[in-house]
Amino acid sequence: MAAFLAATLLPLSSEVVLTALIVQGDPVVTLVIVASIGNVLGSLTNYALGLYAGRPLAQRWLSISDKTLNEAEGRFRRYGLWSLTMCWVPVIGDPLTVVAGLIRVPVIWFVFIVSIAKTTRYIILSQMVLATLSA
């Protein structure tokens, strides 16, 4: 749930929850899979808002400023689909997923790239936590 909500524009950090669960001893592989699925589903929610609600409604529902949305659109113009590899980055990642819906990125490519980016982030984080715990 934390990973899903963190992928929307709510000010929530799934990394803190994931770290706490790893420290608690929960199974890391399961945590990474569940967090990744939740985070991708949250990003798909942003995508759907961009796709179906349009720019004004998506901005109002998600509280994205014109400046932030314009910057995200600029990244898409410059880097294309590969800008979605930055979907995990705080502040810029969520608007990128909204813009992907606004410009009608094919959903299969969206899910593919976002899944790789978000899962990679959770794998790296979990390995950092495990390394710290074993040190």
N, C-alpha and C. Protein backbone atom coordinates (compact mmCIF):
# COMPACT_ATOMS: atom_id res chain seq x y z
N MET A 1 0.83 -1.19 0.00
CA MET A 1 0.00 0.00 0.00
C MET A 1 0.88 1.26 0.00
N ALA A 2 1.96 1.23 0.79
CA ALA A 2 2.85 2.39 0.84
C ALA A 2 3.50 2.63 -0.52
N ALA A 3 3.88 1.55 -1.21
CA ALA A 3 4.52 1.69 -2.52
C ALA A 3 3.53 2.24 -3.54
N PHE A 4 2.29 1.79 -3.48
CA PHE A 4 1.26 2.29 -4.38
C PHE A 4 1.05 3.78 -4.15
N LEU A 5 0.83 4.17 -2.91
CA LEU A 5 0.56 5.58 -2.59
C LEU A 5 1.75 6.46 -2.88
N ALA A 6 2.96 5.94 -2.67
CA ALA A 6 4.16 6.74 -2.92
C ALA A 6 4.35 7.01 -4.41
N ALA A 7 3.81 6.15 -5.27
CA ALA A 7 3.94 6.35 -6.72
C ALA A 7 2.98 7.41 -7.23
N THR A 8 1.97 7.75 -6.44
CA THR A 8 1.12 8.86 -6.80
C THR A 8 1.82 10.12 -6.28
N LEU A 9 1.19 11.24 -6.37
CA LEU A 9 1.85 12.47 -5.94
C LEU A 9 1.68 12.75 -4.46
N LEU A 10 1.24 11.77 -3.71
CA LEU A 10 1.14 11.95 -2.26
C LEU A 10 2.55 12.00 -1.67
N PRO A 11 2.76 12.81 -0.67
CA PRO A 11 4.10 12.91 -0.07
C PRO A 11 4.35 11.72 0.87
N LEU A 12 4.71 10.59 0.30
CA LEU A 12 4.92 9.38 1.06
C LEU A 12 6.16 8.68 0.54
N SER A 13 6.92 8.07 1.44
CA SER A 13 8.15 7.38 1.06
C SER A 13 8.01 5.89 1.29
N SER A 14 7.96 5.14 0.20
CA SER A 14 7.88 3.69 0.32
C SER A 14 9.21 3.11 0.76
N GLU A 15 10.29 3.83 0.52
CA GLU A 15 11.62 3.35 0.89
C GLU A 15 11.75 3.16 2.41
N VAL A 16 11.15 4.06 3.17
CA VAL A 16 11.20 3.96 4.63
C VAL A 16 10.47 2.71 5.10
N VAL A 17 9.30 2.45 4.53
CA VAL A 17 8.52 1.28 4.90
C VAL A 17 9.26 0.01 4.49
N LEU A 18 9.80 -0.02 3.28
CA LEU A 18 10.55 -1.20 2.81
C LEU A 18 11.76 -1.47 3.71
N THR A 19 12.49 -0.44 4.04
CA THR A 19 13.65 -0.59 4.91
C THR A 19 13.25 -1.15 6.27
N ALA A 20 12.20 -0.61 6.84
CA ALA A 20 11.74 -1.08 8.15
C ALA A 20 11.34 -2.56 8.11
N LEU A 21 10.69 -2.96 7.04
CA LEU A 21 10.27 -4.36 6.92
C LEU A 21 11.47 -5.29 6.71
N ILE A 22 12.47 -4.83 5.98
CA ILE A 22 13.69 -5.63 5.81
C ILE A 22 14.40 -5.78 7.15
N VAL A 23 14.54 -4.68 7.87
CA VAL A 23 15.19 -4.70 9.19
C VAL A 23 14.43 -5.64 10.14
N GLN A 24 13.12 -5.66 10.01
CA GLN A 24 12.27 -6.51 10.84
C GLN A 24 12.46 -7.99 10.51
N GLY A 25 13.04 -8.28 9.36
CA GLY A 25 13.32 -9.66 8.99
C GLY A 25 12.36 -10.28 8.00
N ASP A 26 11.48 -9.48 7.42
CA ASP A 26 10.56 -10.02 6.42
C ASP A 26 11.35 -10.45 5.18
N PRO A 27 10.81 -11.39 4.39
CA PRO A 27 11.53 -11.91 3.22
C PRO A 27 11.76 -10.84 2.16
N VAL A 28 13.01 -10.61 1.85
CA VAL A 28 13.40 -9.50 0.96
C VAL A 28 12.82 -9.66 -0.44
N VAL A 29 12.90 -10.85 -1.01
CA VAL A 29 12.41 -11.05 -2.38
C VAL A 29 10.92 -10.73 -2.44
N THR A 30 10.17 -11.21 -1.48
CA THR A 30 8.73 -10.93 -1.44
C THR A 30 8.47 -9.44 -1.31
N LEU A 31 9.22 -8.79 -0.43
CA LEU A 31 9.05 -7.34 -0.24
C LEU A 31 9.34 -6.57 -1.52
N VAL A 32 10.41 -6.93 -2.22
CA VAL A 32 10.76 -6.23 -3.46
C VAL A 32 9.68 -6.44 -4.52
N ILE A 33 9.17 -7.67 -4.63
CA ILE A 33 8.12 -7.94 -5.62
C ILE A 33 6.85 -7.17 -5.31
N VAL A 34 6.41 -7.21 -4.06
CA VAL A 34 5.17 -6.53 -3.67
C VAL A 34 5.32 -5.01 -3.81
N ALA A 35 6.45 -4.48 -3.35
CA ALA A 35 6.68 -3.03 -3.47
C ALA A 35 6.73 -2.60 -4.94
N SER A 36 7.37 -3.40 -5.77
CA SER A 36 7.46 -3.06 -7.19
C SER A 36 6.08 -3.06 -7.84
N ILE A 37 5.30 -4.09 -7.56
CA ILE A 37 3.94 -4.16 -8.14
C ILE A 37 3.11 -2.97 -7.67
N GLY A 38 3.15 -2.68 -6.38
CA GLY A 38 2.39 -1.54 -5.86
C GLY A 38 2.82 -0.23 -6.47
N ASN A 39 4.12 -0.05 -6.63
CA ASN A 39 4.64 1.20 -7.17
C ASN A 39 4.28 1.36 -8.65
N VAL A 40 4.36 0.27 -9.40
CA VAL A 40 3.98 0.32 -10.81
C VAL A 40 2.48 0.60 -10.94
N LEU A 41 1.67 -0.01 -10.10
CA LEU A 41 0.23 0.26 -10.15
C LEU A 41 -0.08 1.72 -9.81
N GLY A 42 0.67 2.30 -8.87
CA GLY A 42 0.51 3.72 -8.57
C GLY A 42 0.87 4.59 -9.76
N SER A 43 1.94 4.22 -10.45
CA SER A 43 2.33 4.96 -11.65
C SER A 43 1.29 4.81 -12.76
N LEU A 44 0.70 3.62 -12.86
CA LEU A 44 -0.38 3.42 -13.83
C LEU A 44 -1.59 4.29 -13.51
N THR A 45 -1.82 4.54 -12.23
CA THR A 45 -2.90 5.45 -11.83
C THR A 45 -2.62 6.85 -12.37
N ASN A 46 -1.38 7.31 -12.20
CA ASN A 46 -0.99 8.62 -12.75
C ASN A 46 -1.15 8.65 -14.27
N TYR A 47 -0.70 7.57 -14.92
CA TYR A 47 -0.81 7.45 -16.37
C TYR A 47 -2.28 7.57 -16.80
N ALA A 48 -3.15 6.83 -16.11
CA ALA A 48 -4.57 6.84 -16.45
C ALA A 48 -5.18 8.22 -16.26
N LEU A 49 -4.77 8.92 -15.21
CA LEU A 49 -5.27 10.29 -15.01
C LEU A 49 -4.85 11.19 -16.16
N GLY A 50 -3.60 11.06 -16.58
CA GLY A 50 -3.15 11.85 -17.73
C GLY A 50 -3.90 11.47 -19.00
N LEU A 51 -4.09 10.18 -19.20
CA LEU A 51 -4.72 9.68 -20.41
C LEU A 51 -6.20 10.05 -20.49
N TYR A 52 -6.93 9.83 -19.40
CA TYR A 52 -8.38 9.98 -19.44
C TYR A 52 -8.89 11.32 -18.91
N ALA A 53 -8.17 11.91 -17.98
CA ALA A 53 -8.66 13.15 -17.38
C ALA A 53 -8.16 14.38 -18.12
N GLY A 54 -7.05 14.26 -18.82
CA GLY A 54 -6.51 15.41 -19.52
C GLY A 54 -5.70 16.30 -18.59
N ARG A 55 -5.00 17.23 -19.17
CA ARG A 55 -4.08 18.08 -18.44
C ARG A 55 -4.72 18.88 -17.30
N PRO A 56 -5.79 19.64 -17.54
CA PRO A 56 -6.34 20.46 -16.45
C PRO A 56 -6.83 19.64 -15.26
N LEU A 57 -7.53 18.55 -15.54
CA LEU A 57 -8.06 17.73 -14.47
C LEU A 57 -6.95 16.98 -13.74
N ALA A 58 -5.98 16.46 -14.49
CA ALA A 58 -4.84 15.76 -13.87
C ALA A 58 -4.07 16.72 -12.97
N GLN A 59 -3.89 17.95 -13.44
CA GLN A 59 -3.18 18.95 -12.63
C GLN A 59 -3.95 19.25 -11.34
N ARG A 60 -5.24 19.38 -11.45
CA ARG A 60 -6.04 19.71 -10.28
C ARG A 60 -6.06 18.54 -9.28
N TRP A 61 -6.28 17.32 -9.77
CA TRP A 61 -6.34 16.16 -8.89
C TRP A 61 -5.00 15.84 -8.26
N LEU A 62 -3.93 16.06 -9.01
CA LEU A 62 -2.60 15.68 -8.52
C LEU A 62 -1.77 16.86 -8.04
N SER A 63 -2.34 18.04 -8.11
CA SER A 63 -1.64 19.26 -7.67
C SER A 63 -0.28 19.44 -8.34
N ILE A 64 -0.24 19.21 -9.64
CA ILE A 64 1.00 19.42 -10.40
C ILE A 64 0.96 20.83 -10.96
N SER A 65 2.01 21.59 -10.74
CA SER A 65 2.06 22.95 -11.27
C SER A 65 2.31 22.91 -12.78
N ASP A 66 1.95 24.01 -13.45
CA ASP A 66 2.24 24.13 -14.89
C ASP A 66 3.73 23.96 -15.15
N LYS A 67 4.54 24.58 -14.29
CA LYS A 67 6.00 24.51 -14.46
C LYS A 67 6.50 23.06 -14.41
N THR A 68 6.05 22.31 -13.42
CA THR A 68 6.49 20.92 -13.27
C THR A 68 6.03 20.07 -14.45
N LEU A 69 4.80 20.26 -14.88
CA LEU A 69 4.28 19.49 -16.00
C LEU A 69 5.00 19.86 -17.29
N ASN A 70 5.27 21.14 -17.48
CA ASN A 70 6.02 21.58 -18.67
C ASN A 70 7.43 21.00 -18.69
N GLU A 71 8.07 20.95 -17.51
CA GLU A 71 9.41 20.36 -17.43
C GLU A 71 9.37 18.87 -17.78
N ALA A 72 8.35 18.18 -17.29
CA ALA A 72 8.20 16.75 -17.59
C ALA A 72 7.96 16.55 -19.09
N GLU A 73 7.14 17.39 -19.68
CA GLU A 73 6.91 17.30 -21.13
C GLU A 73 8.19 17.57 -21.90
N GLY A 74 8.99 18.52 -21.41
CA GLY A 74 10.28 18.81 -22.04
C GLY A 74 11.21 17.60 -22.01
N ARG A 75 11.22 16.89 -20.88
CA ARG A 75 12.04 15.67 -20.79
C ARG A 75 11.58 14.63 -21.80
N PHE A 76 10.27 14.51 -21.96
CA PHE A 76 9.76 13.55 -22.95
C PHE A 76 10.15 13.95 -24.36
N ARG A 77 10.07 15.24 -24.67
CA ARG A 77 10.45 15.68 -26.01
C ARG A 77 11.94 15.41 -26.25
N ARG A 78 12.73 15.58 -25.22
CA ARG A 78 14.18 15.43 -25.37
C ARG A 78 14.62 13.96 -25.38
N TYR A 79 14.09 13.15 -24.46
CA TYR A 79 14.58 11.78 -24.29
C TYR A 79 13.59 10.70 -24.72
N GLY A 80 12.37 11.08 -25.06
CA GLY A 80 11.39 10.09 -25.50
C GLY A 80 11.00 9.14 -24.39
N LEU A 81 10.67 7.92 -24.79
CA LEU A 81 10.22 6.91 -23.83
C LEU A 81 11.24 6.67 -22.72
N TRP A 82 12.52 6.84 -23.03
CA TRP A 82 13.57 6.53 -22.05
C TRP A 82 13.56 7.50 -20.87
N SER A 83 12.84 8.60 -21.00
CA SER A 83 12.71 9.50 -19.84
C SER A 83 11.97 8.79 -18.71
N LEU A 84 11.19 7.76 -19.05
CA LEU A 84 10.47 7.00 -18.02
C LEU A 84 11.40 6.23 -17.10
N THR A 85 12.65 6.05 -17.50
CA THR A 85 13.60 5.39 -16.59
C THR A 85 13.85 6.23 -15.35
N MET A 86 13.45 7.48 -15.39
CA MET A 86 13.61 8.38 -14.24
C MET A 86 12.32 8.47 -13.42
N CYS A 87 11.37 7.58 -13.65
CA CYS A 87 10.09 7.64 -12.95
C CYS A 87 10.21 7.42 -11.45
N TRP A 88 11.31 6.89 -11.00
CA TRP A 88 11.50 6.62 -9.56
C TRP A 88 12.08 7.82 -8.82
N VAL A 89 12.56 8.81 -9.54
CA VAL A 89 13.24 9.96 -8.93
C VAL A 89 12.20 10.87 -8.25
N PRO A 90 12.45 11.22 -6.98
CA PRO A 90 11.51 12.12 -6.29
C PRO A 90 11.31 13.42 -7.06
N VAL A 91 10.16 13.98 -6.99
CA VAL A 91 9.73 15.25 -7.57
C VAL A 91 9.49 15.15 -9.08
N ILE A 92 10.42 14.61 -9.86
CA ILE A 92 10.23 14.59 -11.32
C ILE A 92 9.55 13.31 -11.82
N GLY A 93 9.65 12.22 -11.06
CA GLY A 93 9.16 10.94 -11.55
C GLY A 93 7.66 10.86 -11.72
N ASP A 94 6.92 11.32 -10.75
CA ASP A 94 5.46 11.23 -10.83
C ASP A 94 4.88 12.07 -11.97
N PRO A 95 5.32 13.32 -12.15
CA PRO A 95 4.82 14.07 -13.30
C PRO A 95 5.16 13.41 -14.64
N LEU A 96 6.30 12.73 -14.73
CA LEU A 96 6.64 12.02 -15.96
C LEU A 96 5.59 10.95 -16.28
N THR A 97 5.09 10.28 -15.25
CA THR A 97 4.11 9.23 -15.50
C THR A 97 2.76 9.82 -15.92
N VAL A 98 2.44 11.01 -15.44
CA VAL A 98 1.22 11.69 -15.88
C VAL A 98 1.36 12.12 -17.33
N VAL A 99 2.51 12.70 -17.66
CA VAL A 99 2.76 13.16 -19.03
C VAL A 99 2.71 11.98 -20.00
N ALA A 100 3.20 10.82 -19.58
CA ALA A 100 3.15 9.64 -20.44
C ALA A 100 1.71 9.34 -20.85
N GLY A 101 0.78 9.50 -19.91
CA GLY A 101 -0.63 9.32 -20.24
C GLY A 101 -1.16 10.43 -21.13
N LEU A 102 -0.76 11.66 -20.82
CA LEU A 102 -1.22 12.80 -21.61
C LEU A 102 -0.82 12.68 -23.08
N ILE A 103 0.41 12.21 -23.31
CA ILE A 103 0.89 12.12 -24.71
C ILE A 103 0.63 10.74 -25.31
N ARG A 104 -0.06 9.91 -24.55
CA ARG A 104 -0.51 8.61 -25.03
C ARG A 104 0.62 7.65 -25.40
N VAL A 105 1.57 7.54 -24.49
CA VAL A 105 2.62 6.53 -24.63
C VAL A 105 1.93 5.17 -24.63
N PRO A 106 2.31 4.26 -25.53
CA PRO A 106 1.69 2.93 -25.51
C PRO A 106 1.86 2.28 -24.13
N VAL A 107 0.76 1.79 -23.57
CA VAL A 107 0.77 1.28 -22.20
C VAL A 107 1.75 0.12 -22.03
N ILE A 108 1.95 -0.70 -23.04
CA ILE A 108 2.88 -1.82 -22.91
C ILE A 108 4.30 -1.32 -22.68
N TRP A 109 4.68 -0.26 -23.40
CA TRP A 109 6.02 0.32 -23.20
C TRP A 109 6.12 1.00 -21.85
N PHE A 110 5.05 1.67 -21.48
CA PHE A 110 5.01 2.34 -20.17
C PHE A 110 5.25 1.33 -19.06
N VAL A 111 4.47 0.25 -19.05
CA VAL A 111 4.59 -0.76 -18.00
C VAL A 111 5.97 -1.41 -18.03
N PHE A 112 6.48 -1.70 -19.20
CA PHE A 112 7.79 -2.34 -19.33
C PHE A 112 8.90 -1.48 -18.73
N ILE A 113 8.98 -0.23 -19.15
CA ILE A 113 10.06 0.66 -18.70
C ILE A 113 9.90 1.01 -17.22
N VAL A 114 8.70 1.36 -16.81
CA VAL A 114 8.46 1.74 -15.42
C VAL A 114 8.72 0.55 -14.49
N SER A 115 8.32 -0.64 -14.90
CA SER A 115 8.57 -1.83 -14.07
C SER A 115 10.05 -2.08 -13.87
N ILE A 116 10.82 -1.96 -14.92
CA ILE A 116 12.27 -2.16 -14.80
C ILE A 116 12.87 -1.10 -13.89
N ALA A 117 12.51 0.15 -14.10
CA ALA A 117 13.09 1.25 -13.31
C ALA A 117 12.74 1.11 -11.82
N LYS A 118 11.48 0.87 -11.54
CA LYS A 118 11.05 0.83 -10.14
C LYS A 118 11.57 -0.42 -9.43
N THR A 119 11.57 -1.55 -10.11
CA THR A 119 12.09 -2.78 -9.50
C THR A 119 13.58 -2.68 -9.25
N THR A 120 14.30 -2.11 -10.20
CA THR A 120 15.75 -1.93 -10.02
C THR A 120 16.04 -1.07 -8.80
N ARG A 121 15.28 -0.01 -8.62
CA ARG A 121 15.46 0.85 -7.46
C ARG A 121 15.26 0.07 -6.16
N TYR A 122 14.21 -0.74 -6.09
CA TYR A 122 13.94 -1.52 -4.87
C TYR A 122 14.99 -2.60 -4.64
N ILE A 123 15.49 -3.19 -5.71
CA ILE A 123 16.56 -4.20 -5.56
C ILE A 123 17.81 -3.54 -4.99
N ILE A 124 18.19 -2.40 -5.54
CA ILE A 124 19.38 -1.70 -5.06
C ILE A 124 19.20 -1.28 -3.60
N LEU A 125 18.05 -0.71 -3.28
CA LEU A 125 17.78 -0.30 -1.90
C LEU A 125 17.85 -1.49 -0.95
N SER A 126 17.22 -2.59 -1.32
CA SER A 126 17.21 -3.75 -0.42
C SER A 126 18.62 -4.29 -0.22
N GLN A 127 19.44 -4.28 -1.27
CA GLN A 127 20.81 -4.77 -1.13
C GLN A 127 21.64 -3.83 -0.25
N MET A 128 21.38 -2.54 -0.34
CA MET A 128 22.08 -1.57 0.53
C MET A 128 21.70 -1.80 1.99
N VAL A 129 20.41 -2.03 2.25
CA VAL A 129 19.95 -2.27 3.61
C VAL A 129 20.57 -3.56 4.14
N LEU A 130 20.54 -4.62 3.35
CA LEU A 130 21.12 -5.90 3.78
C LEU A 130 22.61 -5.78 4.04
N ALA A 131 23.32 -5.02 3.20
CA ALA A 131 24.75 -4.83 3.40
C ALA A 131 25.02 -4.07 4.69
N THR A 132 24.19 -3.09 4.98
CA THR A 132 24.35 -2.32 6.23
C THR A 132 24.07 -3.20 7.44
N LEU A 133 23.06 -4.05 7.33
CA LEU A 133 22.72 -4.94 8.44
C LEU A 133 23.81 -5.97 8.71
N SER A 134 24.47 -6.41 7.66
CA SER A 134 25.50 -7.45 7.84
C SER A 134 26.87 -6.85 8.19
N ALA A 135 26.98 -5.56 8.13
CA ALA A 135 28.28 -4.91 8.44
C ALA A 135 28.52 -4.82 9.94
